[in-house]
């Protein structure tokens, strides 16, 4: 599951795949912090991570999920995050890494930076 964040808000992509939960953005830290706060999506943490509100993430992901087993996939993703120590003590939020996107110039659209190992996803 990918949460794509820009100045206008957040969109969930790949909602049926809970194996690689992360946030993608081309925003700088100041703009990302503002976007997270304005949308109620979460907060920026030190160390290149964000803490996402699970209730907000779930409501957005449900709209994008297509598989009939989506609720089970969501539960599995949350349980995996819990076992990995990425959940907040109260279970209401999850820490996820931020993947920075490179901007492509004039159109203001973002392009994915290649992942480590030189491969690019999607």
PDB file of N, CA and C in Angstrom:
ATOM      1  N   UNK A   1       0.852  -1.170   0.000  1.00  0.00           N
ATOM      2  CA  UNK A   1       0.000   0.000   0.000  1.00  0.00           C
ATOM      3  C   UNK A   1       0.897   1.232   0.000  1.00  0.00           C
ATOM      4  N   UNK A   2       0.549   2.149  -0.827  1.00  0.00           N
ATOM      5  CA  UNK A   2       1.311   3.386  -0.955  1.00  0.00           C
ATOM      6  C   UNK A   2       0.379   4.558  -0.673  1.00  0.00           C
ATOM      7  N   UNK A   3       0.784   5.434   0.201  1.00  0.00           N
ATOM      8  CA  UNK A   3       0.055   6.680   0.408  1.00  0.00           C
ATOM      9  C   UNK A   3       0.842   7.752  -0.313  1.00  0.00           C
ATOM     10  N   UNK A   4       0.259   8.340  -1.342  1.00  0.00           N
ATOM     11  CA  UNK A   4       0.900   9.395  -2.135  1.00  0.00           C
ATOM     12  C   UNK A   4       0.433  10.725  -1.584  1.00  0.00           C
ATOM     13  N   UNK A   5       1.363  11.531  -1.103  1.00  0.00           N
ATOM     14  CA  UNK A   5       1.032  12.814  -0.471  1.00  0.00           C
ATOM     15  C   UNK A   5       1.581  13.946  -1.301  1.00  0.00           C
ATOM     16  N   UNK A   6       0.693  14.905  -1.613  1.00  0.00           N
ATOM     17  CA  UNK A   6       1.147  16.143  -2.225  1.00  0.00           C
ATOM     18  C   UNK A   6       0.459  17.295  -1.516  1.00  0.00           C
ATOM     19  N   UNK A   7       0.680  18.497  -1.973  1.00  0.00           N
ATOM     20  CA  UNK A   7       0.140  19.671  -1.287  1.00  0.00           C
ATOM     21  C   UNK A   7      -1.385  19.683  -1.262  1.00  0.00           C
ATOM     22  N   UNK A   8      -2.016  18.986  -2.204  1.00  0.00           N
ATOM     23  CA  UNK A   8      -3.475  18.953  -2.274  1.00  0.00           C
ATOM     24  C   UNK A   8      -4.107  17.871  -1.422  1.00  0.00           C
ATOM     25  N   UNK A   9      -3.312  16.937  -0.916  1.00  0.00           N
ATOM     26  CA  UNK A   9      -3.875  15.885  -0.080  1.00  0.00           C
ATOM     27  C   UNK A   9      -3.192  14.551  -0.274  1.00  0.00           C
ATOM     28  N   UNK A  10      -3.895  13.492   0.129  1.00  0.00           N
ATOM     29  CA  UNK A  10      -3.341  12.142   0.111  1.00  0.00           C
ATOM     30  C   UNK A  10      -4.226  11.213  -0.692  1.00  0.00           C
ATOM     31  N   UNK A  11      -3.579  10.317  -1.460  1.00  0.00           N
ATOM     32  CA  UNK A  11      -4.276   9.324  -2.255  1.00  0.00           C
ATOM     33  C   UNK A  11      -3.611   7.979  -1.989  1.00  0.00           C
ATOM     34  N   UNK A  12      -4.428   6.938  -1.791  1.00  0.00           N
ATOM     35  CA  UNK A  12      -3.893   5.598  -1.596  1.00  0.00           C
ATOM     36  C   UNK A  12      -3.789   4.909  -2.942  1.00  0.00           C
ATOM     37  N   UNK A  13      -2.629   4.304  -3.182  1.00  0.00           N
ATOM     38  CA  UNK A  13      -2.407   3.490  -4.373  1.00  0.00           C
ATOM     39  C   UNK A  13      -2.070   2.080  -3.912  1.00  0.00           C
ATOM     40  N   UNK A  14      -2.354   1.107  -4.761  1.00  0.00           N
ATOM     41  CA  UNK A  14      -2.068  -0.298  -4.458  1.00  0.00           C
ATOM     42  C   UNK A  14      -2.667  -0.702  -3.110  1.00  0.00           C
ATOM     43  N   UNK A  15      -3.934  -0.356  -2.927  1.00  0.00           N
ATOM     44  CA  UNK A  15      -4.613  -0.577  -1.650  1.00  0.00           C
ATOM     45  C   UNK A  15      -4.782  -2.053  -1.302  1.00  0.00           C
ATOM     46  N   UNK A  16      -4.727  -2.932  -2.297  1.00  0.00           N
ATOM     47  CA  UNK A  16      -4.887  -4.361  -2.030  1.00  0.00           C
ATOM     48  C   UNK A  16      -3.589  -5.032  -1.620  1.00  0.00           C
ATOM     49  N   UNK A  17      -2.473  -4.318  -1.673  1.00  0.00           N
ATOM     50  CA  UNK A  17      -1.167  -4.882  -1.334  1.00  0.00           C
ATOM     51  C   UNK A  17      -0.666  -4.246  -0.041  1.00  0.00           C
ATOM     52  N   UNK A  18      -0.778  -4.951   1.034  1.00  0.00           N
ATOM     53  CA  UNK A  18      -0.352  -4.423   2.328  1.00  0.00           C
ATOM     54  C   UNK A  18       1.063  -4.779   2.705  1.00  0.00           C
ATOM     55  N   UNK A  19       1.849  -5.274   1.749  1.00  0.00           N
ATOM     56  CA  UNK A  19       3.181  -5.760   2.086  1.00  0.00           C
ATOM     57  C   UNK A  19       4.242  -4.667   2.141  1.00  0.00           C
ATOM     58  N   UNK A  20       4.061  -3.565   1.478  1.00  0.00           N
ATOM     59  CA  UNK A  20       5.090  -2.523   1.418  1.00  0.00           C
ATOM     60  C   UNK A  20       4.510  -1.159   1.770  1.00  0.00           C
ATOM     61  N   UNK A  21       3.901  -1.039   2.918  1.00  0.00           N
ATOM     62  CA  UNK A  21       3.282   0.224   3.318  1.00  0.00           C
ATOM     63  C   UNK A  21       4.341   1.308   3.444  1.00  0.00           C
ATOM     64  N   UNK A  22       4.154   2.395   2.694  1.00  0.00           N
ATOM     65  CA  UNK A  22       5.042   3.548   2.786  1.00  0.00           C
ATOM     66  C   UNK A  22       4.345   4.778   2.216  1.00  0.00           C
ATOM     67  N   UNK A  23       4.945   5.936   2.444  1.00  0.00           N
ATOM     68  CA  UNK A  23       4.429   7.196   1.928  1.00  0.00           C
ATOM     69  C   UNK A  23       5.374   7.688   0.845  1.00  0.00           C
ATOM     70  N   UNK A  24       4.806   8.117  -0.269  1.00  0.00           N
ATOM     71  CA  UNK A  24       5.585   8.711  -1.364  1.00  0.00           C
ATOM     72  C   UNK A  24       5.250  10.187  -1.459  1.00  0.00           C
ATOM     73  N   UNK A  25       6.276  11.005  -1.683  1.00  0.00           N
ATOM     74  CA  UNK A  25       6.038  12.435  -1.829  1.00  0.00           C
ATOM     75  C   UNK A  25       7.219  13.122  -2.505  1.00  0.00           C
ATOM     76  N   UNK A  26       6.914  14.207  -3.184  1.00  0.00           N
ATOM     77  CA  UNK A  26       7.951  15.089  -3.721  1.00  0.00           C
ATOM     78  C   UNK A  26       8.051  16.358  -2.867  1.00  0.00           C
ATOM     79  N   UNK A  27       7.244  16.441  -1.810  1.00  0.00           N
ATOM     80  CA  UNK A  27       7.237  17.615  -0.946  1.00  0.00           C
ATOM     81  C   UNK A  27       8.497  17.667  -0.093  1.00  0.00           C
ATOM     82  N   UNK A  28       8.968  18.881   0.191  1.00  0.00           N
ATOM     83  CA  UNK A  28      10.061  19.014   1.144  1.00  0.00           C
ATOM     84  C   UNK A  28       9.497  18.814   2.555  1.00  0.00           C
ATOM     85  N   UNK A  29      10.362  18.789   3.549  1.00  0.00           N
ATOM     86  CA  UNK A  29       9.917  18.486   4.910  1.00  0.00           C
ATOM     87  C   UNK A  29       8.893  19.474   5.444  1.00  0.00           C
ATOM     88  N   UNK A  30       9.078  20.747   5.165  1.00  0.00           N
ATOM     89  CA  UNK A  30       8.139  21.757   5.659  1.00  0.00           C
ATOM     90  C   UNK A  30       6.763  21.555   5.026  1.00  0.00           C
ATOM     91  N   UNK A  31       6.725  21.368   3.722  1.00  0.00           N
ATOM     92  CA  UNK A  31       5.454  21.173   3.022  1.00  0.00           C
ATOM     93  C   UNK A  31       4.806  19.846   3.403  1.00  0.00           C
ATOM     94  N   UNK A  32       5.609  18.806   3.597  1.00  0.00           N
ATOM     95  CA  UNK A  32       5.062  17.513   4.002  1.00  0.00           C
ATOM     96  C   UNK A  32       4.449  17.608   5.389  1.00  0.00           C
ATOM     97  N   UNK A  33       5.145  18.244   6.308  1.00  0.00           N
ATOM     98  CA  UNK A  33       4.609  18.421   7.660  1.00  0.00           C
ATOM     99  C   UNK A  33       3.262  19.158   7.613  1.00  0.00           C
ATOM    100  N   UNK A  34       3.194  20.208   6.796  1.00  0.00           N
ATOM    101  CA  UNK A  34       1.963  20.988   6.660  1.00  0.00           C
ATOM    102  C   UNK A  34       0.843  20.135   6.048  1.00  0.00           C
ATOM    103  N   UNK A  35       1.151  19.385   4.993  1.00  0.00           N
ATOM    104  CA  UNK A  35       0.137  18.556   4.326  1.00  0.00           C
ATOM    105  C   UNK A  35      -0.388  17.466   5.263  1.00  0.00           C
ATOM    106  N   UNK A  36       0.498  16.840   6.011  1.00  0.00           N
ATOM    107  CA  UNK A  36       0.070  15.807   6.957  1.00  0.00           C
ATOM    108  C   UNK A  36      -0.860  16.391   8.021  1.00  0.00           C
ATOM    109  N   UNK A  37      -0.490  17.546   8.533  1.00  0.00           N
ATOM    110  CA  UNK A  37      -1.295  18.193   9.576  1.00  0.00           C
ATOM    111  C   UNK A  37      -2.639  18.666   9.019  1.00  0.00           C
ATOM    112  N   UNK A  38      -2.614  19.312   7.849  1.00  0.00           N
ATOM    113  CA  UNK A  38      -3.834  19.858   7.255  1.00  0.00           C
ATOM    114  C   UNK A  38      -4.846  18.772   6.926  1.00  0.00           C
ATOM    115  N   UNK A  39      -4.374  17.637   6.430  1.00  0.00           N
ATOM    116  CA  UNK A  39      -5.275  16.545   6.041  1.00  0.00           C
ATOM    117  C   UNK A  39      -5.628  15.627   7.201  1.00  0.00           C
ATOM    118  N   UNK A  40      -4.966  15.796   8.342  1.00  0.00           N
ATOM    119  CA  UNK A  40      -5.210  14.915   9.477  1.00  0.00           C
ATOM    120  C   UNK A  40      -4.675  13.514   9.264  1.00  0.00           C
ATOM    121  N   UNK A  41      -3.755  13.366   8.311  1.00  0.00           N
ATOM    122  CA  UNK A  41      -3.239  12.058   7.931  1.00  0.00           C
ATOM    123  C   UNK A  41      -2.192  11.541   8.904  1.00  0.00           C
ATOM    124  N   UNK A  42      -1.430  12.436   9.501  1.00  0.00           N
ATOM    125  CA  UNK A  42      -0.391  11.987  10.417  1.00  0.00           C
ATOM    126  C   UNK A  42       0.581  13.087  10.740  1.00  0.00           C
ATOM    127  N   UNK A  43       1.791  12.677  11.132  1.00  0.00           N
ATOM    128  CA  UNK A  43       2.821  13.652  11.476  1.00  0.00           C
ATOM    129  C   UNK A  43       4.185  13.161  11.031  1.00  0.00           C
ATOM    130  N   UNK A  44       5.041  14.103  10.712  1.00  0.00           N
ATOM    131  CA  UNK A  44       6.406  13.813  10.298  1.00  0.00           C
ATOM    132  C   UNK A  44       7.255  13.531  11.533  1.00  0.00           C
ATOM    133  N   UNK A  45       8.020  12.455  11.463  1.00  0.00           N
ATOM    134  CA  UNK A  45       8.926  12.082  12.547  1.00  0.00           C
ATOM    135  C   UNK A  45      10.360  12.314  12.113  1.00  0.00           C
ATOM    136  N   UNK A  46      11.266  12.274  13.049  1.00  0.00           N
ATOM    137  CA  UNK A  46      12.689  12.326  12.721  1.00  0.00           C
ATOM    138  C   UNK A  46      13.079  11.017  12.030  1.00  0.00           C
ATOM    139  N   UNK A  47      14.127  11.059  11.255  1.00  0.00           N
ATOM    140  CA  UNK A  47      14.662   9.845  10.675  1.00  0.00           C
ATOM    141  C   UNK A  47      13.985   9.360   9.408  1.00  0.00           C
ATOM    142  N   UNK A  48      13.292  10.244   8.698  1.00  0.00           N
ATOM    143  CA  UNK A  48      12.714   9.852   7.414  1.00  0.00           C
ATOM    144  C   UNK A  48      11.474   8.989   7.507  1.00  0.00           C
ATOM    145  N   UNK A  49      10.738   9.104   8.576  1.00  0.00           N
ATOM    146  CA  UNK A  49       9.495   8.359   8.725  1.00  0.00           C
ATOM    147  C   UNK A  49       8.344   9.304   9.041  1.00  0.00           C
ATOM    148  N   UNK A  50       7.135   8.804   8.801  1.00  0.00           N
ATOM    149  CA  UNK A  50       5.934   9.504   9.226  1.00  0.00           C
ATOM    150  C   UNK A  50       5.108   8.559  10.084  1.00  0.00           C
ATOM    151  N   UNK A  51       4.306   9.147  10.940  1.00  0.00           N
ATOM    152  CA  UNK A  51       3.353   8.381  11.734  1.00  0.00           C
ATOM    153  C   UNK A  51       1.984   8.662  11.135  1.00  0.00           C
ATOM    154  N   UNK A  52       1.368   7.620  10.559  1.00  0.00           N
ATOM    155  CA  UNK A  52       0.079   7.767   9.894  1.00  0.00           C
ATOM    156  C   UNK A  52      -1.056   7.348  10.815  1.00  0.00           C
ATOM    157  N   UNK A  53      -2.129   8.121  10.795  1.00  0.00           N
ATOM    158  CA  UNK A  53      -3.340   7.795  11.533  1.00  0.00           C
ATOM    159  C   UNK A  53      -4.013   6.612  10.835  1.00  0.00           C
ATOM    160  N   UNK A  54      -4.164   5.484  11.533  1.00  0.00           N
ATOM    161  CA  UNK A  54      -4.731   4.287  10.912  1.00  0.00           C
ATOM    162  C   UNK A  54      -6.187   4.463  10.494  1.00  0.00           C
ATOM    163  N   UNK A  55      -6.949   5.227  11.255  1.00  0.00           N
ATOM    164  CA  UNK A  55      -8.349   5.455  10.893  1.00  0.00           C
ATOM    165  C   UNK A  55      -8.471   6.200   9.572  1.00  0.00           C
ATOM    166  N   UNK A  56      -7.663   7.235   9.406  1.00  0.00           N
ATOM    167  CA  UNK A  56      -7.670   8.006   8.158  1.00  0.00           C
ATOM    168  C   UNK A  56      -7.162   7.139   7.012  1.00  0.00           C
ATOM    169  N   UNK A  57      -6.062   6.422   7.246  1.00  0.00           N
ATOM    170  CA  UNK A  57      -5.507   5.563   6.200  1.00  0.00           C
ATOM    171  C   UNK A  57      -6.517   4.506   5.779  1.00  0.00           C
ATOM    172  N   UNK A  58      -7.165   3.880   6.728  1.00  0.00           N
ATOM    173  CA  UNK A  58      -8.153   2.836   6.405  1.00  0.00           C
ATOM    174  C   UNK A  58      -9.309   3.407   5.591  1.00  0.00           C
ATOM    175  N   UNK A  59      -9.819   4.565   5.974  1.00  0.00           N
ATOM    176  CA  UNK A  59     -10.950   5.135   5.228  1.00  0.00           C
ATOM    177  C   UNK A  59     -10.573   5.442   3.785  1.00  0.00           C
ATOM    178  N   UNK A  60      -9.361   5.910   3.564  1.00  0.00           N
ATOM    179  CA  UNK A  60      -8.910   6.181   2.198  1.00  0.00           C
ATOM    180  C   UNK A  60      -8.623   4.887   1.441  1.00  0.00           C
ATOM    181  N   UNK A  61      -8.016   3.924   2.115  1.00  0.00           N
ATOM    182  CA  UNK A  61      -7.667   2.658   1.468  1.00  0.00           C
ATOM    183  C   UNK A  61      -8.909   1.856   1.089  1.00  0.00           C
ATOM    184  N   UNK A  62      -9.943   1.896   1.910  1.00  0.00           N
ATOM    185  CA  UNK A  62     -11.176   1.165   1.601  1.00  0.00           C
ATOM    186  C   UNK A  62     -11.771   1.637   0.280  1.00  0.00           C
ATOM    187  N   UNK A  63     -11.655   2.907   0.008  1.00  0.00           N
ATOM    188  CA  UNK A  63     -12.189   3.450  -1.243  1.00  0.00           C
ATOM    189  C   UNK A  63     -11.433   2.927  -2.449  1.00  0.00           C
ATOM    190  N   UNK A  64     -10.151   2.612  -2.268  1.00  0.00           N
ATOM    191  CA  UNK A  64      -9.319   2.169  -3.381  1.00  0.00           C
ATOM    192  C   UNK A  64      -9.183   0.647  -3.458  1.00  0.00           C
ATOM    193  N   UNK A  65      -9.514  -0.053  -2.378  1.00  0.00           N
ATOM    194  CA  UNK A  65      -9.384  -1.505  -2.351  1.00  0.00           C
ATOM    195  C   UNK A  65     -10.395  -2.169  -3.271  1.00  0.00           C
ATOM    196  N   UNK A  66      -9.964  -3.214  -3.956  1.00  0.00           N
ATOM    197  CA  UNK A  66     -10.852  -3.882  -4.909  1.00  0.00           C
ATOM    198  C   UNK A  66     -11.109  -5.339  -4.585  1.00  0.00           C
ATOM    199  N   UNK A  67     -10.224  -5.979  -3.848  1.00  0.00           N
ATOM    200  CA  UNK A  67     -10.362  -7.405  -3.579  1.00  0.00           C
ATOM    201  C   UNK A  67     -11.440  -7.690  -2.546  1.00  0.00           C
ATOM    202  N   UNK A  68     -12.165  -8.802  -2.729  1.00  0.00           N
ATOM    203  CA  UNK A  68     -13.193  -9.153  -1.748  1.00  0.00           C
ATOM    204  C   UNK A  68     -12.607  -9.481  -0.378  1.00  0.00           C
ATOM    205  N   UNK A  69     -11.314  -9.822  -0.353  1.00  0.00           N
ATOM    206  CA  UNK A  69     -10.651 -10.139   0.913  1.00  0.00           C
ATOM    207  C   UNK A  69      -9.900  -8.934   1.486  1.00  0.00           C
ATOM    208  N   UNK A  70     -10.254  -7.733   1.021  1.00  0.00           N
ATOM    209  CA  UNK A  70      -9.543  -6.538   1.477  1.00  0.00           C
ATOM    210  C   UNK A  70      -9.540  -6.403   2.997  1.00  0.00           C
ATOM    211  N   UNK A  71     -10.646  -6.617   3.703  1.00  0.00           N
ATOM    212  CA  UNK A  71     -10.594  -6.472   5.173  1.00  0.00           C
ATOM    213  C   UNK A  71      -9.571  -7.405   5.826  1.00  0.00           C
ATOM    214  N   UNK A  72      -9.432  -8.618   5.302  1.00  0.00           N
ATOM    215  CA  UNK A  72      -8.451  -9.547   5.851  1.00  0.00           C
ATOM    216  C   UNK A  72      -7.025  -9.076   5.542  1.00  0.00           C
ATOM    217  N   UNK A  73      -6.833  -8.529   4.343  1.00  0.00           N
ATOM    218  CA  UNK A  73      -5.511  -8.005   3.985  1.00  0.00           C
ATOM    219  C   UNK A  73      -5.133  -6.818   4.880  1.00  0.00           C
ATOM    220  N   UNK A  74      -6.102  -5.957   5.145  1.00  0.00           N
ATOM    221  CA  UNK A  74      -5.867  -4.821   6.030  1.00  0.00           C
ATOM    222  C   UNK A  74      -5.452  -5.319   7.422  1.00  0.00           C
ATOM    223  N   UNK A  75      -6.207  -6.261   7.947  1.00  0.00           N
ATOM    224  CA  UNK A  75      -5.904  -6.801   9.275  1.00  0.00           C
ATOM    225  C   UNK A  75      -4.515  -7.425   9.316  1.00  0.00           C
ATOM    226  N   UNK A  76      -4.146  -8.141   8.261  1.00  0.00           N
ATOM    227  CA  UNK A  76      -2.819  -8.754   8.189  1.00  0.00           C
ATOM    228  C   UNK A  76      -1.730  -7.686   8.164  1.00  0.00           C
ATOM    229  N   UNK A  77      -1.962  -6.596   7.425  1.00  0.00           N
ATOM    230  CA  UNK A  77      -0.992  -5.510   7.350  1.00  0.00           C
ATOM    231  C   UNK A  77      -0.799  -4.871   8.732  1.00  0.00           C
ATOM    232  N   UNK A  78      -1.904  -4.632   9.431  1.00  0.00           N
ATOM    233  CA  UNK A  78      -1.829  -4.029  10.759  1.00  0.00           C
ATOM    234  C   UNK A  78      -1.115  -4.966  11.728  1.00  0.00           C
ATOM    235  N   UNK A  79      -1.427  -6.250  11.659  1.00  0.00           N
ATOM    236  CA  UNK A  79      -0.769  -7.215  12.547  1.00  0.00           C
ATOM    237  C   UNK A  79       0.727  -7.290  12.256  1.00  0.00           C
ATOM    238  N   UNK A  80       1.097  -7.251  10.988  1.00  0.00           N
ATOM    239  CA  UNK A  80       2.520  -7.253  10.622  1.00  0.00           C
ATOM    240  C   UNK A  80       3.217  -6.018  11.206  1.00  0.00           C
ATOM    241  N   UNK A  81       2.584  -4.861  11.096  1.00  0.00           N
ATOM    242  CA  UNK A  81       3.155  -3.626  11.655  1.00  0.00           C
ATOM    243  C   UNK A  81       3.291  -3.736  13.167  1.00  0.00           C
ATOM    244  N   UNK A  82       2.322  -4.362  13.804  1.00  0.00           N
ATOM    245  CA  UNK A  82       2.382  -4.530  15.255  1.00  0.00           C
ATOM    246  C   UNK A  82       3.566  -5.424  15.639  1.00  0.00           C
ATOM    247  N   UNK A  83       3.704  -6.558  14.956  1.00  0.00           N
ATOM    248  CA  UNK A  83       4.810  -7.479  15.242  1.00  0.00           C
ATOM    249  C   UNK A  83       6.167  -6.833  14.970  1.00  0.00           C
ATOM    250  N   UNK A  84       6.218  -5.942  13.967  1.00  0.00           N
ATOM    251  CA  UNK A  84       7.469  -5.269  13.609  1.00  0.00           C
ATOM    252  C   UNK A  84       7.774  -4.079  14.520  1.00  0.00           C
ATOM    253  N   UNK A  85       6.890  -3.788  15.466  1.00  0.00           N
ATOM    254  CA  UNK A  85       7.114  -2.680  16.389  1.00  0.00           C
ATOM    255  C   UNK A  85       6.882  -1.312  15.776  1.00  0.00           C
ATOM    256  N   UNK A  86       6.037  -1.241  14.745  1.00  0.00           N
ATOM    257  CA  UNK A  86       5.807   0.023  14.053  1.00  0.00           C
ATOM    258  C   UNK A  86       4.507   0.714  14.489  1.00  0.00           C
ATOM    259  N   UNK A  87       3.751   0.073  15.357  1.00  0.00           N
ATOM    260  CA  UNK A  87       2.491   0.648  15.831  1.00  0.00           C
ATOM    261  C   UNK A  87       2.743   1.542  17.041  1.00  0.00           C
ATOM    262  N   UNK A  88       1.903   2.557  17.180  1.00  0.00           N
ATOM    263  CA  UNK A  88       1.972   3.399  18.373  1.00  0.00           C
ATOM    264  C   UNK A  88       1.475   2.579  19.566  1.00  0.00           C
ATOM    265  N   UNK A  89       1.831   2.980  20.783  1.00  0.00           N
ATOM    266  CA  UNK A  89       1.377   2.228  21.965  1.00  0.00           C
ATOM    267  C   UNK A  89      -0.146   2.085  22.048  1.00  0.00           C
ATOM    268  N   UNK A  90      -0.878   3.090  21.578  1.00  0.00           N
ATOM    269  CA  UNK A  90      -2.339   3.010  21.651  1.00  0.00           C
ATOM    270  C   UNK A  90      -2.958   2.320  20.430  1.00  0.00           C
ATOM    271  N   UNK A  91      -2.133   1.919  19.443  1.00  0.00           N
ATOM    272  CA  UNK A  91      -2.634   1.199  18.273  1.00  0.00           C
ATOM    273  C   UNK A  91      -3.378   2.050  17.265  1.00  0.00           C
ATOM    274  N   UNK A  92      -3.301   3.363  17.405  1.00  0.00           N
ATOM    275  CA  UNK A  92      -4.058   4.248  16.512  1.00  0.00           C
ATOM    276  C   UNK A  92      -3.248   4.766  15.336  1.00  0.00           C
ATOM    277  N   UNK A  93      -1.935   4.537  15.338  1.00  0.00           N
ATOM    278  CA  UNK A  93      -1.105   5.021  14.244  1.00  0.00           C
ATOM    279  C   UNK A  93       0.037   4.047  13.987  1.00  0.00           C
ATOM    280  N   UNK A  94       0.634   4.197  12.798  1.00  0.00           N
ATOM    281  CA  UNK A  94       1.715   3.319  12.376  1.00  0.00           C
ATOM    282  C   UNK A  94       2.839   4.154  11.779  1.00  0.00           C
ATOM    283  N   UNK A  95       4.080   3.795  12.095  1.00  0.00           N
ATOM    284  CA  UNK A  95       5.250   4.464  11.528  1.00  0.00           C
ATOM    285  C   UNK A  95       5.584   3.824  10.191  1.00  0.00           C
ATOM    286  N   UNK A  96       5.771   4.654   9.181  1.00  0.00           N
ATOM    287  CA  UNK A  96       6.120   4.147   7.853  1.00  0.00           C
ATOM    288  C   UNK A  96       7.246   4.993   7.261  1.00  0.00           C
ATOM    289  N   UNK A  97       8.047   4.389   6.376  1.00  0.00           N
ATOM    290  CA  UNK A  97       9.116   5.151   5.726  1.00  0.00           C
ATOM    291  C   UNK A  97       8.561   6.094   4.667  1.00  0.00           C
ATOM    292  N   UNK A  98       9.326   7.132   4.377  1.00  0.00           N
ATOM    293  CA  UNK A  98       8.990   8.083   3.321  1.00  0.00           C
ATOM    294  C   UNK A  98       9.899   7.805   2.130  1.00  0.00           C
ATOM    295  N   UNK A  99       9.294   7.633   0.972  1.00  0.00           N
ATOM    296  CA  UNK A  99      10.054   7.489  -0.269  1.00  0.00           C
ATOM    297  C   UNK A  99       9.950   8.811  -1.012  1.00  0.00           C
ATOM    298  N   UNK A 100      11.072   9.462  -1.174  1.00  0.00           N
ATOM    299  CA  UNK A 100      11.106  10.764  -1.842  1.00  0.00           C
ATOM    300  C   UNK A 100      11.006  10.582  -3.347  1.00  0.00           C
ATOM    301  N   UNK A 101      10.167  11.374  -3.974  1.00  0.00           N
ATOM    302  CA  UNK A 101      10.008  11.377  -5.420  1.00  0.00           C
ATOM    303  C   UNK A 101      10.730  12.578  -5.991  1.00  0.00           C
ATOM    304  N   UNK A 102      11.339  12.403  -7.123  1.00  0.00           N
ATOM    305  CA  UNK A 102      12.007  13.508  -7.806  1.00  0.00           C
ATOM    306  C   UNK A 102      10.965  14.244  -8.646  1.00  0.00           C
ATOM    307  N   UNK A 103      11.008  15.562  -8.646  1.00  0.00           N
ATOM    308  CA  UNK A 103      10.103  16.310  -9.508  1.00  0.00           C
ATOM    309  C   UNK A 103      10.665  16.334 -10.913  1.00  0.00           C
ATOM    310  N   UNK A 104       9.766  16.412 -11.898  1.00  0.00           N
ATOM    311  CA  UNK A 104      10.188  16.320 -13.296  1.00  0.00           C
ATOM    312  C   UNK A 104      10.163  17.657 -14.011  1.00  0.00           C
ATOM    313  N   UNK A 105      10.152  18.735 -13.277  1.00  0.00           N
ATOM    314  CA  UNK A 105      10.250  20.037 -13.936  1.00  0.00           C
ATOM    315  C   UNK A 105       8.915  20.701 -14.146  1.00  0.00           C
ATOM    316  N   UNK A 106       8.725  21.283 -15.323  1.00  0.00           N
ATOM    317  CA  UNK A 106       7.636  22.185 -15.650  1.00  0.00           C
ATOM    318  C   UNK A 106       6.242  21.733 -15.313  1.00  0.00           C
ATOM    319  N   UNK A 107       5.924  20.475 -15.503  1.00  0.00           N
ATOM    320  CA  UNK A 107       4.556  20.022 -15.270  1.00  0.00           C
ATOM    321  C   UNK A 107       4.239  19.910 -13.790  1.00  0.00           C
ATOM    322  N   UNK A 108       5.264  19.955 -12.932  1.00  0.00           N
ATOM    323  CA  UNK A 108       5.022  19.863 -11.505  1.00  0.00           C
ATOM    324  C   UNK A 108       4.662  18.453 -11.061  1.00  0.00           C
ATOM    325  N   UNK A 109       4.823  17.482 -11.946  1.00  0.00           N
ATOM    326  CA  UNK A 109       4.521  16.108 -11.599  1.00  0.00           C
ATOM    327  C   UNK A 109       5.774  15.452 -11.048  1.00  0.00           C
ATOM    328  N   UNK A 110       5.564  14.434 -10.272  1.00  0.00           N
ATOM    329  CA  UNK A 110       6.695  13.750  -9.654  1.00  0.00           C
ATOM    330  C   UNK A 110       7.004  12.462 -10.396  1.00  0.00           C
ATOM    331  N   UNK A 111       8.278  12.148 -10.453  1.00  0.00           N
ATOM    332  CA  UNK A 111       8.734  10.878 -11.011  1.00  0.00           C
ATOM    333  C   UNK A 111       9.396  10.098  -9.893  1.00  0.00           C
ATOM    334  N   UNK A 112       9.250   8.805  -9.915  1.00  0.00           N
ATOM    335  CA  UNK A 112       9.848   7.975  -8.885  1.00  0.00           C
ATOM    336  C   UNK A 112      11.353   7.920  -9.061  1.00  0.00           C
ATOM    337  N   UNK A 113      12.040   7.998  -7.965  1.00  0.00           N
ATOM    338  CA  UNK A 113      13.485   7.775  -7.982  1.00  0.00           C
ATOM    339  C   UNK A 113      13.696   6.270  -8.000  1.00  0.00           C
ATOM    340  N   UNK A 114      14.725   5.807  -8.693  1.00  0.00           N
ATOM    341  CA  UNK A 114      14.995   4.364  -8.671  1.00  0.00           C
ATOM    342  C   UNK A 114      15.269   3.897  -7.254  1.00  0.00           C
ATOM    343  N   UNK A 115      14.786   2.709  -6.942  1.00  0.00           N
ATOM    344  CA  UNK A 115      15.046   2.125  -5.632  1.00  0.00           C
ATOM    345  C   UNK A 115      16.476   1.648  -5.574  1.00  0.00           C
ATOM    346  N   UNK A 116      16.926   1.351  -4.393  1.00  0.00           N
ATOM    347  CA  UNK A 116      18.283   0.821  -4.245  1.00  0.00           C
ATOM    348  C   UNK A 116      18.428  -0.395  -5.135  1.00  0.00           C
ATOM    349  N   UNK A 117      19.603  -0.554  -5.707  1.00  0.00           N
ATOM    350  CA  UNK A 117      19.832  -1.657  -6.617  1.00  0.00           C
ATOM    351  C   UNK A 117      19.520  -1.273  -8.043  1.00  0.00           C
ATOM    352  N   UNK A 118      19.113  -0.015  -8.286  1.00  0.00           N
ATOM    353  CA  UNK A 118      18.891   0.489  -9.626  1.00  0.00           C
ATOM    354  C   UNK A 118      17.558   0.162 -10.238  1.00  0.00           C
ATOM    355  N   UNK A 119      16.725  -0.591  -9.539  1.00  0.00           N
ATOM    356  CA  UNK A 119      15.427  -0.941 -10.106  1.00  0.00           C
ATOM    357  C   UNK A 119      14.403   0.115  -9.728  1.00  0.00           C
ATOM    358  N   UNK A 120      13.478   0.356 -10.618  1.00  0.00           N
ATOM    359  CA  UNK A 120      12.405   1.296 -10.351  1.00  0.00           C
ATOM    360  C   UNK A 120      11.099   0.528 -10.320  1.00  0.00           C
ATOM    361  N   UNK A 121      10.256   0.837  -9.349  1.00  0.00           N
ATOM    362  CA  UNK A 121       8.946   0.197  -9.285  1.00  0.00           C
ATOM    363  C   UNK A 121       7.978   1.014 -10.101  1.00  0.00           C
ATOM    364  N   UNK A 122       7.078   0.336 -10.731  1.00  0.00           N
ATOM    365  CA  UNK A 122       5.927   0.856 -11.371  1.00  0.00           C
ATOM    366  C   UNK A 122       5.976   1.932 -12.286  1.00  0.00           C
TER     367      UNK A 122
END
